[in-house]
N, C-alpha and C. Protein backbone atom coordinates (compact mmCIF):
# COMPACT_ATOMS: atom_id res chain seq x y z
N MET A 1 -92.19 -253.20 -72.40
CA MET A 1 -93.39 -253.74 -73.00
C MET A 1 -93.15 -253.85 -74.51
N ALA A 2 -92.80 -255.04 -74.96
CA ALA A 2 -92.53 -255.25 -76.39
C ALA A 2 -93.84 -255.48 -77.14
N LEU A 3 -93.95 -254.88 -78.28
CA LEU A 3 -95.13 -255.07 -79.12
C LEU A 3 -94.85 -256.16 -80.14
N ARG A 4 -95.83 -256.97 -80.39
CA ARG A 4 -95.68 -258.02 -81.40
C ARG A 4 -96.25 -257.55 -82.71
N ASP A 5 -96.30 -258.43 -83.70
CA ASP A 5 -96.77 -258.08 -85.04
C ASP A 5 -98.16 -257.45 -85.05
N GLY A 6 -99.03 -257.89 -84.15
CA GLY A 6 -100.39 -257.37 -84.13
C GLY A 6 -100.51 -256.01 -83.46
N GLY A 7 -99.43 -255.51 -82.90
CA GLY A 7 -99.47 -254.22 -82.25
C GLY A 7 -99.91 -254.27 -80.80
N LEU A 8 -100.13 -255.47 -80.27
CA LEU A 8 -100.55 -255.61 -78.87
C LEU A 8 -99.38 -256.05 -78.01
N PRO A 9 -99.36 -255.62 -76.76
CA PRO A 9 -98.35 -256.16 -75.84
C PRO A 9 -98.59 -257.66 -75.67
N ALA A 10 -97.54 -258.38 -75.37
CA ALA A 10 -97.62 -259.85 -75.27
C ALA A 10 -98.70 -260.31 -74.30
N TYR A 11 -98.85 -259.62 -73.16
CA TYR A 11 -99.83 -260.07 -72.17
C TYR A 11 -101.27 -259.89 -72.64
N GLN A 12 -101.50 -259.07 -73.66
CA GLN A 12 -102.86 -258.86 -74.17
C GLN A 12 -103.25 -259.88 -75.24
N LEU A 13 -102.29 -260.61 -75.78
CA LEU A 13 -102.60 -261.59 -76.82
C LEU A 13 -103.52 -262.69 -76.31
N THR A 14 -103.25 -263.17 -75.10
CA THR A 14 -104.09 -264.21 -74.51
C THR A 14 -105.50 -263.69 -74.28
N ASN A 15 -105.62 -262.48 -73.75
CA ASN A 15 -106.95 -261.91 -73.52
C ASN A 15 -107.70 -261.72 -74.83
N SER A 16 -107.01 -261.30 -75.86
CA SER A 16 -107.64 -261.10 -77.16
C SER A 16 -108.14 -262.42 -77.72
N PHE A 17 -107.34 -263.47 -77.59
CA PHE A 17 -107.74 -264.79 -78.07
C PHE A 17 -108.98 -265.27 -77.34
N ARG A 18 -108.99 -265.12 -76.03
CA ARG A 18 -110.16 -265.55 -75.24
C ARG A 18 -111.41 -264.79 -75.65
N LEU A 19 -111.27 -263.49 -75.88
CA LEU A 19 -112.40 -262.68 -76.31
C LEU A 19 -112.94 -263.16 -77.65
N LEU A 20 -112.05 -263.47 -78.59
CA LEU A 20 -112.49 -263.97 -79.90
C LEU A 20 -113.22 -265.31 -79.77
N VAL A 21 -112.73 -266.18 -78.91
CA VAL A 21 -113.40 -267.47 -78.71
C VAL A 21 -114.81 -267.26 -78.18
N VAL A 22 -114.97 -266.35 -77.22
CA VAL A 22 -116.29 -266.06 -76.66
C VAL A 22 -117.21 -265.46 -77.72
N LEU A 23 -116.69 -264.51 -78.50
CA LEU A 23 -117.50 -263.89 -79.55
C LEU A 23 -117.94 -264.90 -80.60
N PHE A 24 -117.03 -265.77 -81.03
CA PHE A 24 -117.41 -266.80 -82.00
C PHE A 24 -118.42 -267.77 -81.42
N SER A 25 -118.30 -268.07 -80.14
CA SER A 25 -119.25 -268.96 -79.49
C SER A 25 -120.65 -268.34 -79.48
N ILE A 26 -120.73 -267.06 -79.14
CA ILE A 26 -122.02 -266.37 -79.13
C ILE A 26 -122.60 -266.31 -80.53
N ALA A 27 -121.77 -265.97 -81.51
CA ALA A 27 -122.24 -265.88 -82.90
C ALA A 27 -122.72 -267.23 -83.40
N ASP A 28 -122.00 -268.31 -83.06
CA ASP A 28 -122.40 -269.64 -83.52
C ASP A 28 -123.70 -270.07 -82.86
N THR A 29 -123.87 -269.77 -81.59
CA THR A 29 -125.12 -270.11 -80.89
C THR A 29 -126.29 -269.38 -81.53
N ARG A 30 -126.10 -268.10 -81.84
CA ARG A 30 -127.16 -267.32 -82.48
C ARG A 30 -127.48 -267.89 -83.88
N ARG A 31 -126.44 -268.22 -84.63
CA ARG A 31 -126.64 -268.77 -85.97
C ARG A 31 -127.41 -270.09 -85.91
N ARG A 32 -127.02 -270.96 -84.96
CA ARG A 32 -127.72 -272.23 -84.83
C ARG A 32 -129.17 -272.04 -84.43
N THR A 33 -129.43 -271.07 -83.57
CA THR A 33 -130.80 -270.80 -83.13
C THR A 33 -131.65 -270.31 -84.29
N LEU A 34 -131.09 -269.44 -85.12
CA LEU A 34 -131.86 -268.86 -86.22
C LEU A 34 -131.97 -269.78 -87.44
N TYR A 35 -130.89 -270.41 -87.81
CA TYR A 35 -130.85 -271.13 -89.09
C TYR A 35 -130.87 -272.64 -88.96
N CYS A 36 -130.60 -273.16 -87.79
CA CYS A 36 -130.57 -274.62 -87.64
C CYS A 36 -131.63 -275.09 -86.64
N ALA A 37 -132.67 -274.30 -86.46
CA ALA A 37 -133.72 -274.67 -85.52
C ALA A 37 -134.47 -275.89 -86.04
N GLY A 38 -134.91 -276.70 -85.12
CA GLY A 38 -135.65 -277.89 -85.50
C GLY A 38 -134.71 -279.00 -85.94
N GLU A 39 -134.99 -279.55 -87.09
CA GLU A 39 -134.17 -280.64 -87.61
C GLU A 39 -132.99 -280.08 -88.37
N CYS A 40 -131.82 -280.36 -87.86
CA CYS A 40 -130.59 -279.87 -88.48
C CYS A 40 -129.77 -281.06 -88.92
N GLY A 41 -129.29 -281.04 -90.14
CA GLY A 41 -128.51 -282.14 -90.67
C GLY A 41 -127.01 -282.01 -90.43
N HIS A 42 -126.57 -280.91 -89.82
CA HIS A 42 -125.15 -280.75 -89.57
C HIS A 42 -124.70 -281.69 -88.45
N ALA A 43 -123.70 -282.50 -88.74
CA ALA A 43 -123.22 -283.48 -87.76
C ALA A 43 -122.73 -282.80 -86.49
N GLN A 44 -122.06 -281.65 -86.63
CA GLN A 44 -121.51 -280.98 -85.45
C GLN A 44 -122.58 -280.43 -84.53
N HIS A 45 -123.83 -280.32 -84.99
CA HIS A 45 -124.91 -279.83 -84.15
C HIS A 45 -125.70 -280.97 -83.51
N ASN A 46 -125.35 -282.18 -83.86
CA ASN A 46 -126.06 -283.34 -83.33
C ASN A 46 -125.14 -284.25 -82.53
N LEU A 47 -124.13 -283.67 -81.90
CA LEU A 47 -123.21 -284.44 -81.08
C LEU A 47 -123.87 -284.75 -79.74
N PRO A 48 -123.49 -285.87 -79.12
CA PRO A 48 -124.04 -286.15 -77.79
C PRO A 48 -123.50 -285.12 -76.79
N ASP A 49 -124.21 -284.96 -75.69
CA ASP A 49 -123.77 -284.04 -74.65
C ASP A 49 -122.43 -284.50 -74.09
N PRO A 50 -121.54 -283.56 -73.73
CA PRO A 50 -120.25 -283.95 -73.15
C PRO A 50 -120.46 -284.57 -71.78
N PRO A 51 -119.52 -285.41 -71.35
CA PRO A 51 -119.64 -286.01 -70.02
C PRO A 51 -119.63 -284.93 -68.94
N ARG A 52 -120.25 -285.24 -67.81
CA ARG A 52 -120.30 -284.27 -66.71
C ARG A 52 -118.88 -283.94 -66.26
N GLY A 53 -118.64 -282.67 -66.02
CA GLY A 53 -117.32 -282.23 -65.56
C GLY A 53 -116.35 -281.93 -66.69
N ALA A 54 -116.75 -282.15 -67.94
CA ALA A 54 -115.84 -281.94 -69.06
C ALA A 54 -115.49 -280.46 -69.20
N GLU A 55 -116.45 -279.57 -68.97
CA GLU A 55 -116.18 -278.14 -69.08
C GLU A 55 -115.17 -277.70 -68.03
N ARG A 56 -115.30 -278.23 -66.84
CA ARG A 56 -114.36 -277.88 -65.79
C ARG A 56 -112.97 -278.37 -66.13
N SER A 57 -112.85 -279.58 -66.68
CA SER A 57 -111.55 -280.11 -67.05
C SER A 57 -110.90 -279.23 -68.11
N LEU A 58 -111.68 -278.77 -69.06
CA LEU A 58 -111.16 -277.92 -70.11
C LEU A 58 -110.70 -276.58 -69.54
N SER A 59 -111.51 -275.99 -68.66
CA SER A 59 -111.14 -274.69 -68.11
C SER A 59 -109.88 -274.79 -67.26
N VAL A 60 -109.69 -275.91 -66.58
CA VAL A 60 -108.47 -276.08 -65.79
C VAL A 60 -107.28 -276.27 -66.72
N ALA A 61 -107.46 -277.05 -67.79
CA ALA A 61 -106.36 -277.29 -68.72
C ALA A 61 -105.95 -276.01 -69.45
N VAL A 62 -106.92 -275.15 -69.78
CA VAL A 62 -106.64 -273.93 -70.52
C VAL A 62 -106.21 -272.82 -69.56
N GLY A 63 -106.62 -272.90 -68.32
CA GLY A 63 -106.26 -271.89 -67.34
C GLY A 63 -107.27 -270.78 -67.20
N TRP A 64 -108.53 -271.03 -67.51
CA TRP A 64 -109.58 -270.00 -67.41
C TRP A 64 -110.15 -269.98 -66.05
């Protein structure tokens, strides 16, 4: 079990990355709910909904 620069075994790096993505997603959702409620001028918060099945395609491509 070789340790990398971060001190984690190689197999844990993927899990750590996934956890960070989930945490940032939760934090961003909370931030948008609290600070961008109603009319928000941020372009990234006014994107059209993704096409149906897009989430599944992403999860298959990423391997989740």
